Amino acid sequence: MRRSDREINSREEILGILNKCDVLRLGINAPDYPYVVPMNFGFDVENDCITIWLHCAFDGLKLELLNKNPKVGFEADCSHKIIAGEKACSYTMEYESVIGNGRITVCDYSGDKLRGLSLIMKHYEPEKNFDFPETTLKSVCVLRLDIMRITGKRLKK
């Protein structure tokens, strides 16, 4: 990382940033250009491995591309605040961000699907527990992103 003074090495701090973010941008390999899509997400840590859970429809470009190449990149950021400067190029912004890469698996109709949906909802409504009717489970595609590499970065003035 070029700006090592902004690098975050603590796994707990990286997870804390991820927990603050409400949108994750998924970068998918496409033939001509990368395809980037903002998504709602949830995550968990098991055996020191971070897993990000996403949901989508069963058809469309995203799944078409993921079926061809499940290797993805991702980014999430939060805590934005403009820091005014004397001149245009002396402005900056406070932020916290997480980037990384990994491999997507489409969950079948199993416990993983229910687990993923529960974690996505828990990310946005931590105090609630949700039930998922059979029709919901059949109508939504759940993606499991197993993280291979993750880094964090922060600027706080």
Foldseek 3Di string as FASTA:
>chain_A
DVPPVFWDDDPVVLVVFVLPFQWKWKWFDDDPDIDIDIFQWFWDADPNWIKIKTKDFPDDDVVVRCVVPQKIKMKTKDDWDWDDDPDPVVIDIWMKMKIFIFGKDWDDLDPVLVVGVQRSVCSVVVVDGDDADPVRSVGMIMMMTTTPDMIMGTDDD
